[in-house]
């Protein structure tokens, strides 16, 4: 996807900028490349810097309910300190490294409903202009894919995914938000849990896998939450019986007692402990002959995702409009 934005703060005749990202999905901790294409205006302009911002749509919980908005979680200055001559066309290639905790937006080519974007900031002659958001697609790391595929083979189904503002206590989380992937229970666990939430916190050496179960109550007891955390090295993906291992994780989670005082060491700082939303995009992680695929239930999913992303980006642009600082 390519976007074009007139440097509005300089008015008609200012330079324009197009940013093109590499084709295909990036991965957490991996490279993101592309080029920023500049076209000079009706005079020479001094370009102070060209900066890329990684932006995410993040949810937060307040006393009055939930809210969501755009959050910049990384910035890269890719060029600057040159003069763009009148009418000059210049291409600035770039290559940056995504944070390890960059959320996953798709699995097996199916959109998970996570909205990430890359926004280009052009600073010229003391005026800054933020361009439109360009959709960023991020696929899973091999270890993330292995865990999700094992859950699918066990029988868990995908409900929804979102980004929550806050910090998981006791973890090595670095970004100010974390991704939750909400799964419906496998049939053999449906009498004991309502859903499971999976959070991946990736780093250079591997993953922290945080599992939270919303456990059903009994005849004389209410429901409760249980959390467990596991570590997986990036080099440990091959030659491992993931279904058996993940099944063991689920068994331990189901049998675990809720810690005194709620989430204990693995609670959510600034998040919303105990929050469990219902079905989201209506997709399901299901086991198939060639492994696990994300199946789309209903024909409106893709259109809904596109509309949602468009609305979010357009709303952000409107908020940015007229900002000449």
C-alpha atoms as a PDB file:
ATOM      1  CA  UNK A   1       0.000   0.000   0.000  1.00  0.00           C
ATOM      2  CA  UNK A   2       1.229   3.439  -0.861  1.00  0.00           C
ATOM      3  CA  UNK A   3      -0.020   6.661   0.614  1.00  0.00           C
ATOM      4  CA  UNK A   4       0.452  10.240  -0.564  1.00  0.00           C
ATOM      5  CA  UNK A   5       0.198  13.330   1.582  1.00  0.00           C
ATOM      6  CA  UNK A   6       0.711  16.951   0.617  1.00  0.00           C
ATOM      7  CA  UNK A   7       2.758  18.773   3.191  1.00  0.00           C
ATOM      8  CA  UNK A   8      -0.274  20.747   4.283  1.00  0.00           C
ATOM      9  CA  UNK A   9       1.563  22.990   6.712  1.00  0.00           C
ATOM     10  CA  UNK A  10       3.456  24.477   3.762  1.00  0.00           C
ATOM     11  CA  UNK A  11       0.347  24.869   1.633  1.00  0.00           C
ATOM     12  CA  UNK A  12       0.031  24.407  -2.105  1.00  0.00           C
ATOM     13  CA  UNK A  13       3.396  24.007  -3.769  1.00  0.00           C
ATOM     14  CA  UNK A  14       5.029  22.146  -0.893  1.00  0.00           C
ATOM     15  CA  UNK A  15       6.787  18.786  -1.313  1.00  0.00           C
ATOM     16  CA  UNK A  16       4.827  15.536  -1.352  1.00  0.00           C
ATOM     17  CA  UNK A  17       5.748  12.187   0.152  1.00  0.00           C
ATOM     18  CA  UNK A  18       4.821   8.618  -0.774  1.00  0.00           C
ATOM     19  CA  UNK A  19       5.851   5.736   1.479  1.00  0.00           C
ATOM     20  CA  UNK A  20       5.876   2.171   0.138  1.00  0.00           C
ATOM     21  CA  UNK A  21       6.417  -0.810   2.444  1.00  0.00           C
ATOM     22  CA  UNK A  22       7.852  -4.154   1.456  1.00  0.00           C
ATOM     23  CA  UNK A  23       5.383  -6.698   0.139  1.00  0.00           C
ATOM     24  CA  UNK A  24       4.292  -9.487   2.456  1.00  0.00           C
ATOM     25  CA  UNK A  25       4.115  -9.790   6.208  1.00  0.00           C
ATOM     26  CA  UNK A  26       6.907  -8.817   8.555  1.00  0.00           C
ATOM     27  CA  UNK A  27       7.582 -10.736  11.794  1.00  0.00           C
ATOM     28  CA  UNK A  28       8.247  -9.555  15.354  1.00  0.00           C
ATOM     29  CA  UNK A  29      11.910  -8.725  15.825  1.00  0.00           C
ATOM     30  CA  UNK A  30      12.438  -8.897  12.064  1.00  0.00           C
ATOM     31  CA  UNK A  31      13.223  -6.326   9.429  1.00  0.00           C
ATOM     32  CA  UNK A  32      10.846  -3.890   7.774  1.00  0.00           C
ATOM     33  CA  UNK A  33      12.025  -2.264   4.574  1.00  0.00           C
ATOM     34  CA  UNK A  34      10.658   0.054   1.957  1.00  0.00           C
ATOM     35  CA  UNK A  35      11.241   3.493   0.556  1.00  0.00           C
ATOM     36  CA  UNK A  36      10.072   7.036   1.091  1.00  0.00           C
ATOM     37  CA  UNK A  37       9.519   8.822  -2.210  1.00  0.00           C
ATOM     38  CA  UNK A  38       9.775  12.583  -2.147  1.00  0.00           C
ATOM     39  CA  UNK A  39       8.817  15.068  -4.817  1.00  0.00           C
ATOM     40  CA  UNK A  40       9.953  18.653  -4.476  1.00  0.00           C
ATOM     41  CA  UNK A  41       7.555  21.578  -4.523  1.00  0.00           C
ATOM     42  CA  UNK A  42       7.765  24.927  -6.252  1.00  0.00           C
ATOM     43  CA  UNK A  43      10.884  25.965  -4.315  1.00  0.00           C
ATOM     44  CA  UNK A  44      13.882  24.403  -2.582  1.00  0.00           C
ATOM     45  CA  UNK A  45      13.093  22.976   0.867  1.00  0.00           C
ATOM     46  CA  UNK A  46      15.431  21.918   3.664  1.00  0.00           C
ATOM     47  CA  UNK A  47      14.389  18.463   4.929  1.00  0.00           C
ATOM     48  CA  UNK A  48      15.301  18.275   8.594  1.00  0.00           C
ATOM     49  CA  UNK A  49      14.243  14.670   9.123  1.00  0.00           C
ATOM     50  CA  UNK A  50      12.071  11.855   7.838  1.00  0.00           C
ATOM     51  CA  UNK A  51      10.750   9.733  10.688  1.00  0.00           C
ATOM     52  CA  UNK A  52       8.677   6.559  10.626  1.00  0.00           C
ATOM     53  CA  UNK A  53       6.270   5.930  13.493  1.00  0.00           C
ATOM     54  CA  UNK A  54       4.792   2.536  14.354  1.00  0.00           C
ATOM     55  CA  UNK A  55       1.218   3.071  15.492  1.00  0.00           C
ATOM     56  CA  UNK A  56      -1.211   0.629  17.094  1.00  0.00           C
ATOM     57  CA  UNK A  57      -4.878   0.791  17.994  1.00  0.00           C
ATOM     58  CA  UNK A  58      -4.913   0.062  21.719  1.00  0.00           C
ATOM     59  CA  UNK A  59      -7.779  -0.417  24.149  1.00  0.00           C
ATOM     60  CA  UNK A  60      -7.789   0.853  27.715  1.00  0.00           C
ATOM     61  CA  UNK A  61     -10.268   0.532  30.539  1.00  0.00           C
ATOM     62  CA  UNK A  62     -11.473   3.450  32.607  1.00  0.00           C
ATOM     63  CA  UNK A  63     -14.059   3.921  35.326  1.00  0.00           C
ATOM     64  CA  UNK A  64     -16.570   4.995  32.695  1.00  0.00           C
ATOM     65  CA  UNK A  65     -15.875   2.036  30.428  1.00  0.00           C
ATOM     66  CA  UNK A  66     -13.461   1.113  27.656  1.00  0.00           C
ATOM     67  CA  UNK A  67     -11.780   3.470  25.217  1.00  0.00           C
ATOM     68  CA  UNK A  68      -9.440   2.967  22.294  1.00  0.00           C
ATOM     69  CA  UNK A  69      -7.028   5.172  20.431  1.00  0.00           C
ATOM     70  CA  UNK A  70      -3.790   5.348  18.481  1.00  0.00           C
ATOM     71  CA  UNK A  71      -0.532   4.787  20.356  1.00  0.00           C
ATOM     72  CA  UNK A  72       2.936   5.325  18.870  1.00  0.00           C
ATOM     73  CA  UNK A  73       5.150   2.511  20.138  1.00  0.00           C
ATOM     74  CA  UNK A  74       8.343   3.044  18.112  1.00  0.00           C
ATOM     75  CA  UNK A  75      10.006   5.768  16.029  1.00  0.00           C
ATOM     76  CA  UNK A  76      12.800   5.524  13.465  1.00  0.00           C
ATOM     77  CA  UNK A  77      14.541   8.516  11.869  1.00  0.00           C
ATOM     78  CA  UNK A  78      15.535   7.241   8.440  1.00  0.00           C
ATOM     79  CA  UNK A  79      16.935  10.367   6.752  1.00  0.00           C
ATOM     80  CA  UNK A  80      17.412  14.110   7.074  1.00  0.00           C
ATOM     81  CA  UNK A  81      19.779  17.009   6.751  1.00  0.00           C
ATOM     82  CA  UNK A  82      19.475  17.584   3.010  1.00  0.00           C
ATOM     83  CA  UNK A  83      17.913  20.016   0.568  1.00  0.00           C
ATOM     84  CA  UNK A  84      15.080  18.864  -1.682  1.00  0.00           C
ATOM     85  CA  UNK A  85      15.391  20.973  -4.802  1.00  0.00           C
ATOM     86  CA  UNK A  86      12.439  22.458  -6.646  1.00  0.00           C
ATOM     87  CA  UNK A  87      10.623  19.655  -8.500  1.00  0.00           C
ATOM     88  CA  UNK A  88      13.277  17.092  -7.512  1.00  0.00           C
ATOM     89  CA  UNK A  89      12.233  13.454  -7.163  1.00  0.00           C
ATOM     90  CA  UNK A  90      14.165  11.503  -4.579  1.00  0.00           C
ATOM     91  CA  UNK A  91      13.772   7.983  -3.166  1.00  0.00           C
ATOM     92  CA  UNK A  92      14.979   7.240   0.368  1.00  0.00           C
ATOM     93  CA  UNK A  93      15.252   3.488   1.010  1.00  0.00           C
ATOM     94  CA  UNK A  94      15.021   2.343   4.603  1.00  0.00           C
ATOM     95  CA  UNK A  95      15.431  -0.795   6.653  1.00  0.00           C
ATOM     96  CA  UNK A  96      14.436  -0.908  10.312  1.00  0.00           C
ATOM     97  CA  UNK A  97      13.967  -3.647  12.913  1.00  0.00           C
ATOM     98  CA  UNK A  98      10.558  -4.156  14.490  1.00  0.00           C
ATOM     99  CA  UNK A  99      10.319  -4.512  18.279  1.00  0.00           C
ATOM    100  CA  UNK A 100      10.157  -8.129  19.412  1.00  0.00           C
ATOM    101  CA  UNK A 101       6.772  -7.534  21.032  1.00  0.00           C
ATOM    102  CA  UNK A 102       5.188  -6.168  17.850  1.00  0.00           C
ATOM    103  CA  UNK A 103       1.685  -7.707  17.758  1.00  0.00           C
ATOM    104  CA  UNK A 104       0.722 -10.379  15.255  1.00  0.00           C
ATOM    105  CA  UNK A 105      -1.959  -9.170  12.836  1.00  0.00           C
ATOM    106  CA  UNK A 106      -2.523 -12.293  10.745  1.00  0.00           C
ATOM    107  CA  UNK A 107      -2.313 -16.069  10.988  1.00  0.00           C
ATOM    108  CA  UNK A 108      -2.197 -18.283   7.909  1.00  0.00           C
ATOM    109  CA  UNK A 109      -3.173 -15.280   5.808  1.00  0.00           C
ATOM    110  CA  UNK A 110      -6.312 -14.524   7.843  1.00  0.00           C
ATOM    111  CA  UNK A 111      -6.676 -11.154   9.526  1.00  0.00           C
ATOM    112  CA  UNK A 112      -6.948 -11.215  13.335  1.00  0.00           C
ATOM    113  CA  UNK A 113      -8.475  -7.746  13.627  1.00  0.00           C
ATOM    114  CA  UNK A 114      -5.349  -6.078  15.051  1.00  0.00           C
ATOM    115  CA  UNK A 115      -4.707  -2.622  13.565  1.00  0.00           C
ATOM    116  CA  UNK A 116      -1.083  -1.551  13.101  1.00  0.00           C
ATOM    117  CA  UNK A 117       0.209   1.203  10.865  1.00  0.00           C
ATOM    118  CA  UNK A 118       3.340   3.003   9.733  1.00  0.00           C
ATOM    119  CA  UNK A 119       3.114   6.779   9.609  1.00  0.00           C
ATOM    120  CA  UNK A 120       5.727   9.017   7.995  1.00  0.00           C
ATOM    121  CA  UNK A 121       6.616  12.343   9.576  1.00  0.00           C
ATOM    122  CA  UNK A 122       8.300  14.861   7.299  1.00  0.00           C
ATOM    123  CA  UNK A 123       9.946  17.869   8.911  1.00  0.00           C
ATOM    124  CA  UNK A 124      10.662  20.676   6.459  1.00  0.00           C
ATOM    125  CA  UNK A 125      11.728  24.231   7.239  1.00  0.00           C
ATOM    126  CA  UNK A 126      10.604  23.987  10.853  1.00  0.00           C
ATOM    127  CA  UNK A 127       7.140  22.577  10.015  1.00  0.00           C
ATOM    128  CA  UNK A 128       6.162  18.953  10.635  1.00  0.00           C
ATOM    129  CA  UNK A 129       3.560  16.960   8.836  1.00  0.00           C
ATOM    130  CA  UNK A 130       2.374  13.446   9.650  1.00  0.00           C
ATOM    131  CA  UNK A 131       1.235  11.458   6.654  1.00  0.00           C
ATOM    132  CA  UNK A 132      -1.599   8.969   6.503  1.00  0.00           C
ATOM    133  CA  UNK A 133      -1.237   5.578   8.172  1.00  0.00           C
ATOM    134  CA  UNK A 134      -0.075   2.716   5.986  1.00  0.00           C
ATOM    135  CA  UNK A 135      -1.343  -0.688   7.126  1.00  0.00           C
ATOM    136  CA  UNK A 136       1.384  -2.895   8.612  1.00  0.00           C
ATOM    137  CA  UNK A 137       0.954  -6.659   8.393  1.00  0.00           C
ATOM    138  CA  UNK A 138       2.823  -8.863  10.870  1.00  0.00           C
ATOM    139  CA  UNK A 139       2.860 -12.663  10.856  1.00  0.00           C
ATOM    140  CA  UNK A 140       3.772 -14.952  13.752  1.00  0.00           C
ATOM    141  CA  UNK A 141       7.207 -16.183  14.737  1.00  0.00           C
ATOM    142  CA  UNK A 142       7.698 -19.953  14.336  1.00  0.00           C
ATOM    143  CA  UNK A 143       7.291 -20.505  18.092  1.00  0.00           C
ATOM    144  CA  UNK A 144       4.079 -18.450  18.180  1.00  0.00           C
ATOM    145  CA  UNK A 145       2.712 -20.356  15.221  1.00  0.00           C
ATOM    146  CA  UNK A 146       3.633 -23.699  16.822  1.00  0.00           C
ATOM    147  CA  UNK A 147       1.779 -22.890  20.041  1.00  0.00           C
ATOM    148  CA  UNK A 148      -1.327 -21.610  18.237  1.00  0.00           C
ATOM    149  CA  UNK A 149      -1.355 -24.579  15.887  1.00  0.00           C
ATOM    150  CA  UNK A 150      -1.147 -26.981  18.837  1.00  0.00           C
ATOM    151  CA  UNK A 151      -4.064 -25.205  20.516  1.00  0.00           C
ATOM    152  CA  UNK A 152      -6.034 -25.549  17.288  1.00  0.00           C
ATOM    153  CA  UNK A 153      -5.265 -29.256  17.058  1.00  0.00           C
ATOM    154  CA  UNK A 154      -6.405 -29.710  20.651  1.00  0.00           C
ATOM    155  CA  UNK A 155      -9.691 -28.106  19.668  1.00  0.00           C
ATOM    156  CA  UNK A 156      -9.528 -24.491  20.800  1.00  0.00           C
ATOM    157  CA  UNK A 157     -11.151 -21.933  18.497  1.00  0.00           C
ATOM    158  CA  UNK A 158     -10.234 -18.328  17.764  1.00  0.00           C
ATOM    159  CA  UNK A 159     -12.684 -15.728  19.097  1.00  0.00           C
ATOM    160  CA  UNK A 160     -10.919 -12.388  18.862  1.00  0.00           C
ATOM    161  CA  UNK A 161      -7.670 -10.518  19.436  1.00  0.00           C
ATOM    162  CA  UNK A 162      -6.976  -7.075  20.815  1.00  0.00           C
ATOM    163  CA  UNK A 163      -4.266  -4.859  22.283  1.00  0.00           C
ATOM    164  CA  UNK A 164      -4.626  -3.845  25.922  1.00  0.00           C
ATOM    165  CA  UNK A 165      -2.919  -0.886  27.551  1.00  0.00           C
ATOM    166  CA  UNK A 166      -1.046  -2.015  30.648  1.00  0.00           C
ATOM    167  CA  UNK A 167       1.687  -4.326  31.879  1.00  0.00           C
ATOM    168  CA  UNK A 168       1.656  -7.988  32.867  1.00  0.00           C
ATOM    169  CA  UNK A 169       3.313  -8.127  36.269  1.00  0.00           C
ATOM    170  CA  UNK A 170       6.163 -10.556  36.647  1.00  0.00           C
ATOM    171  CA  UNK A 171       6.907 -10.550  32.929  1.00  0.00           C
ATOM    172  CA  UNK A 172       9.672  -9.042  30.852  1.00  0.00           C
ATOM    173  CA  UNK A 173       7.206  -6.915  28.884  1.00  0.00           C
ATOM    174  CA  UNK A 174       8.728  -3.816  27.293  1.00  0.00           C
ATOM    175  CA  UNK A 175       5.942  -2.206  25.263  1.00  0.00           C
ATOM    176  CA  UNK A 176       3.215  -0.242  27.076  1.00  0.00           C
ATOM    177  CA  UNK A 177       0.557  -2.695  25.855  1.00  0.00           C
ATOM    178  CA  UNK A 178       0.173  -6.422  25.310  1.00  0.00           C
ATOM    179  CA  UNK A 179      -1.747  -8.543  22.822  1.00  0.00           C
ATOM    180  CA  UNK A 180      -4.482 -10.909  23.956  1.00  0.00           C
ATOM    181  CA  UNK A 181      -5.685 -13.721  21.698  1.00  0.00           C
ATOM    182  CA  UNK A 182      -8.976 -15.039  23.032  1.00  0.00           C
ATOM    183  CA  UNK A 183      -9.863 -18.681  22.366  1.00  0.00           C
ATOM    184  CA  UNK A 184     -13.056 -20.662  22.886  1.00  0.00           C
ATOM    185  CA  UNK A 185     -12.506 -23.893  24.832  1.00  0.00           C
ATOM    186  CA  UNK A 186     -11.860 -27.259  23.263  1.00  0.00           C
ATOM    187  CA  UNK A 187     -14.928 -29.503  23.710  1.00  0.00           C
ATOM    188  CA  UNK A 188     -13.316 -31.607  26.440  1.00  0.00           C
ATOM    189  CA  UNK A 189     -12.632 -28.489  28.521  1.00  0.00           C
ATOM    190  CA  UNK A 190     -15.909 -26.687  27.841  1.00  0.00           C
ATOM    191  CA  UNK A 191     -17.456 -27.816  31.142  1.00  0.00           C
ATOM    192  CA  UNK A 192     -14.580 -26.271  33.109  1.00  0.00           C
ATOM    193  CA  UNK A 193     -13.530 -23.095  31.287  1.00  0.00           C
ATOM    194  CA  UNK A 194     -15.307 -20.365  29.361  1.00  0.00           C
ATOM    195  CA  UNK A 195     -12.289 -19.228  27.368  1.00  0.00           C
ATOM    196  CA  UNK A 196      -8.512 -18.953  27.370  1.00  0.00           C
ATOM    197  CA  UNK A 197      -6.486 -15.842  26.615  1.00  0.00           C
ATOM    198  CA  UNK A 198      -2.982 -16.205  25.167  1.00  0.00           C
ATOM    199  CA  UNK A 199      -0.342 -13.477  25.326  1.00  0.00           C
ATOM    200  CA  UNK A 200       3.070 -13.783  23.652  1.00  0.00           C
ATOM    201  CA  UNK A 201       5.937 -11.645  24.921  1.00  0.00           C
ATOM    202  CA  UNK A 202       8.755 -12.245  22.466  1.00  0.00           C
ATOM    203  CA  UNK A 203      12.400 -11.376  22.978  1.00  0.00           C
ATOM    204  CA  UNK A 204      15.723 -12.129  21.307  1.00  0.00           C
ATOM    205  CA  UNK A 205      16.006 -15.559  22.948  1.00  0.00           C
ATOM    206  CA  UNK A 206      12.419 -16.772  22.894  1.00  0.00           C
ATOM    207  CA  UNK A 207       8.868 -16.275  24.097  1.00  0.00           C
ATOM    208  CA  UNK A 208       7.075 -15.870  27.347  1.00  0.00           C
ATOM    209  CA  UNK A 209       3.682 -17.508  26.829  1.00  0.00           C
ATOM    210  CA  UNK A 210       1.104 -16.224  29.302  1.00  0.00           C
ATOM    211  CA  UNK A 211      -2.104 -18.265  29.517  1.00  0.00           C
ATOM    212  CA  UNK A 212      -5.163 -17.067  31.402  1.00  0.00           C
ATOM    213  CA  UNK A 213      -8.246 -19.246  31.855  1.00  0.00           C
ATOM    214  CA  UNK A 214     -11.716 -18.005  32.717  1.00  0.00           C
ATOM    215  CA  UNK A 215     -12.846 -21.013  34.738  1.00  0.00           C
ATOM    216  CA  UNK A 216     -16.480 -21.923  35.198  1.00  0.00           C
ATOM    217  CA  UNK A 217     -17.970 -22.012  38.666  1.00  0.00           C
ATOM    218  CA  UNK A 218     -19.311 -25.126  40.334  1.00  0.00           C
ATOM    219  CA  UNK A 219     -22.601 -25.800  42.049  1.00  0.00           C
ATOM    220  CA  UNK A 220     -21.443 -24.112  45.247  1.00  0.00           C
ATOM    221  CA  UNK A 221     -18.667 -21.867  43.938  1.00  0.00           C
ATOM    222  CA  UNK A 222     -18.280 -18.971  41.559  1.00  0.00           C
ATOM    223  CA  UNK A 223     -16.003 -18.782  38.557  1.00  0.00           C
ATOM    224  CA  UNK A 224     -12.356 -17.788  38.830  1.00  0.00           C
ATOM    225  CA  UNK A 225      -9.312 -16.851  36.768  1.00  0.00           C
ATOM    226  CA  UNK A 226      -6.112 -18.843  36.627  1.00  0.00           C
ATOM    227  CA  UNK A 227      -2.819 -17.806  35.053  1.00  0.00           C
ATOM    228  CA  UNK A 228       0.301 -19.681  34.050  1.00  0.00           C
ATOM    229  CA  UNK A 229       3.459 -18.641  32.252  1.00  0.00           C
ATOM    230  CA  UNK A 230       5.822 -20.732  30.127  1.00  0.00           C
ATOM    231  CA  UNK A 231       9.062 -19.992  28.283  1.00  0.00           C
ATOM    232  CA  UNK A 232       9.917 -21.230  24.799  1.00  0.00           C
ATOM    233  CA  UNK A 233      13.251 -20.666  23.055  1.00  0.00           C
ATOM    234  CA  UNK A 234      13.294 -19.727  19.388  1.00  0.00           C
ATOM    235  CA  UNK A 235      15.714 -22.592  18.742  1.00  0.00           C
ATOM    236  CA  UNK A 236      13.394 -25.142  20.358  1.00  0.00           C
ATOM    237  CA  UNK A 237      10.641 -25.103  17.751  1.00  0.00           C
ATOM    238  CA  UNK A 238      11.746 -28.010  15.572  1.00  0.00           C
ATOM    239  CA  UNK A 239      11.421 -31.626  16.640  1.00  0.00           C
ATOM    240  CA  UNK A 240       9.082 -30.905  19.534  1.00  0.00           C
ATOM    241  CA  UNK A 241       5.737 -32.557  20.290  1.00  0.00           C
ATOM    242  CA  UNK A 242       3.852 -29.316  20.642  1.00  0.00           C
ATOM    243  CA  UNK A 243       0.403 -30.840  21.030  1.00  0.00           C
ATOM    244  CA  UNK A 244       1.483 -32.933  24.016  1.00  0.00           C
ATOM    245  CA  UNK A 245       3.378 -30.060  25.592  1.00  0.00           C
ATOM    246  CA  UNK A 246       0.623 -27.494  25.166  1.00  0.00           C
ATOM    247  CA  UNK A 247      -1.932 -30.036  26.377  1.00  0.00           C
ATOM    248  CA  UNK A 248       0.142 -30.269  29.546  1.00  0.00           C
ATOM    249  CA  UNK A 249       0.053 -26.491  29.902  1.00  0.00           C
ATOM    250  CA  UNK A 250      -3.736 -26.505  29.606  1.00  0.00           C
ATOM    251  CA  UNK A 251      -4.136 -29.324  32.101  1.00  0.00           C
ATOM    252  CA  UNK A 252      -1.990 -27.481  34.636  1.00  0.00           C
ATOM    253  CA  UNK A 253      -3.939 -24.280  34.013  1.00  0.00           C
ATOM    254  CA  UNK A 254      -7.307 -25.957  34.439  1.00  0.00           C
ATOM    255  CA  UNK A 255      -6.239 -27.645  37.650  1.00  0.00           C
ATOM    256  CA  UNK A 256      -4.580 -24.543  39.104  1.00  0.00           C
ATOM    257  CA  UNK A 257      -6.236 -22.695  41.920  1.00  0.00           C
ATOM    258  CA  UNK A 258      -6.837 -18.975  41.556  1.00  0.00           C
ATOM    259  CA  UNK A 259      -4.108 -17.023  43.420  1.00  0.00           C
ATOM    260  CA  UNK A 260      -5.150 -15.126  46.522  1.00  0.00           C
ATOM    261  CA  UNK A 261      -6.146 -11.583  45.638  1.00  0.00           C
ATOM    262  CA  UNK A 262      -6.782 -12.205  41.955  1.00  0.00           C
ATOM    263  CA  UNK A 263      -4.053 -12.399  39.360  1.00  0.00           C
ATOM    264  CA  UNK A 264      -1.139 -12.323  41.769  1.00  0.00           C
ATOM    265  CA  UNK A 265       2.300 -12.066  40.207  1.00  0.00           C
ATOM    266  CA  UNK A 266       0.908 -12.250  36.686  1.00  0.00           C
ATOM    267  CA  UNK A 267      -1.762  -9.581  37.001  1.00  0.00           C
ATOM    268  CA  UNK A 268      -2.342  -6.734  34.593  1.00  0.00           C
ATOM    269  CA  UNK A 269      -1.107  -3.327  35.694  1.00  0.00           C
ATOM    270  CA  UNK A 270      -3.329  -0.691  34.150  1.00  0.00           C
ATOM    271  CA  UNK A 271      -5.316  -3.304  32.295  1.00  0.00           C
ATOM    272  CA  UNK A 272      -8.526  -5.001  33.295  1.00  0.00           C
ATOM    273  CA  UNK A 273      -8.108  -8.239  35.241  1.00  0.00           C
ATOM    274  CA  UNK A 274     -10.964 -10.591  34.679  1.00  0.00           C
ATOM    275  CA  UNK A 275     -12.115  -8.941  31.451  1.00  0.00           C
ATOM    276  CA  UNK A 276     -13.345 -11.447  28.900  1.00  0.00           C
ATOM    277  CA  UNK A 277     -15.043 -10.349  25.725  1.00  0.00           C
ATOM    278  CA  UNK A 278     -17.327 -12.436  23.586  1.00  0.00           C
ATOM    279  CA  UNK A 279     -16.885 -13.666  20.022  1.00  0.00           C
ATOM    280  CA  UNK A 280     -15.138 -11.115  17.868  1.00  0.00           C
ATOM    281  CA  UNK A 281     -14.439 -11.639  14.176  1.00  0.00           C
ATOM    282  CA  UNK A 282     -16.200 -14.979  14.074  1.00  0.00           C
ATOM    283  CA  UNK A 283     -13.152 -16.929  12.966  1.00  0.00           C
ATOM    284  CA  UNK A 284     -11.908 -20.219  14.355  1.00  0.00           C
ATOM    285  CA  UNK A 285      -8.544 -21.878  14.691  1.00  0.00           C
ATOM    286  CA  UNK A 286      -9.311 -25.393  13.501  1.00  0.00           C
ATOM    287  CA  UNK A 287      -7.201 -28.469  12.813  1.00  0.00           C
ATOM    288  CA  UNK A 288      -7.073 -29.541   9.191  1.00  0.00           C
ATOM    289  CA  UNK A 289      -5.310 -32.117   7.047  1.00  0.00           C
ATOM    290  CA  UNK A 290      -2.420 -29.746   6.367  1.00  0.00           C
ATOM    291  CA  UNK A 291      -2.237 -28.424   9.944  1.00  0.00           C
ATOM    292  CA  UNK A 292      -4.222 -25.638  11.490  1.00  0.00           C
ATOM    293  CA  UNK A 293      -5.849 -22.991   9.347  1.00  0.00           C
ATOM    294  CA  UNK A 294      -7.859 -19.983  10.408  1.00  0.00           C
ATOM    295  CA  UNK A 295     -11.325 -20.538   8.996  1.00  0.00           C
ATOM    296  CA  UNK A 296     -13.679 -17.648   8.380  1.00  0.00           C
ATOM    297  CA  UNK A 297     -17.230 -18.187   9.590  1.00  0.00           C
ATOM    298  CA  UNK A 298     -19.563 -15.934   7.642  1.00  0.00           C
ATOM    299  CA  UNK A 299     -18.898 -13.914   4.523  1.00  0.00           C
ATOM    300  CA  UNK A 300     -18.695 -10.437   6.036  1.00  0.00           C
ATOM    301  CA  UNK A 301     -15.508 -10.795   8.047  1.00  0.00           C
ATOM    302  CA  UNK A 302     -13.075  -9.376   5.494  1.00  0.00           C
ATOM    303  CA  UNK A 303     -15.290  -6.392   4.723  1.00  0.00           C
ATOM    304  CA  UNK A 304     -15.783  -5.669   8.423  1.00  0.00           C
ATOM    305  CA  UNK A 305     -12.049  -5.683   9.026  1.00  0.00           C
ATOM    306  CA  UNK A 306     -11.383  -3.358   6.082  1.00  0.00           C
ATOM    307  CA  UNK A 307     -14.087  -0.929   7.205  1.00  0.00           C
ATOM    308  CA  UNK A 308     -12.802  -0.998  10.770  1.00  0.00           C
ATOM    309  CA  UNK A 309      -9.246  -0.251   9.699  1.00  0.00           C
ATOM    310  CA  UNK A 310     -10.363   2.484   7.336  1.00  0.00           C
ATOM    311  CA  UNK A 311     -12.509   4.148   9.978  1.00  0.00           C
ATOM    312  CA  UNK A 312      -9.680   4.051  12.480  1.00  0.00           C
ATOM    313  CA  UNK A 313      -7.121   5.531  10.092  1.00  0.00           C
ATOM    314  CA  UNK A 314      -9.535   8.208   8.863  1.00  0.00           C
ATOM    315  CA  UNK A 315     -10.404   9.166  12.424  1.00  0.00           C
ATOM    316  CA  UNK A 316      -6.735   9.489  13.295  1.00  0.00           C
ATOM    317  CA  UNK A 317      -6.164  11.661  10.232  1.00  0.00           C
ATOM    318  CA  UNK A 318      -8.985  13.977  11.247  1.00  0.00           C
ATOM    319  CA  UNK A 319      -7.449  14.393  14.689  1.00  0.00           C
ATOM    320  CA  UNK A 320      -4.115  15.177  13.083  1.00  0.00           C
ATOM    321  CA  UNK A 321      -5.619  17.668  10.649  1.00  0.00           C
ATOM    322  CA  UNK A 322      -4.453  21.233  11.023  1.00  0.00           C
ATOM    323  CA  UNK A 323      -1.546  20.341  13.280  1.00  0.00           C
ATOM    324  CA  UNK A 324       1.354  22.410  12.134  1.00  0.00           C
ATOM    325  CA  UNK A 325       3.502  21.977  15.225  1.00  0.00           C
END
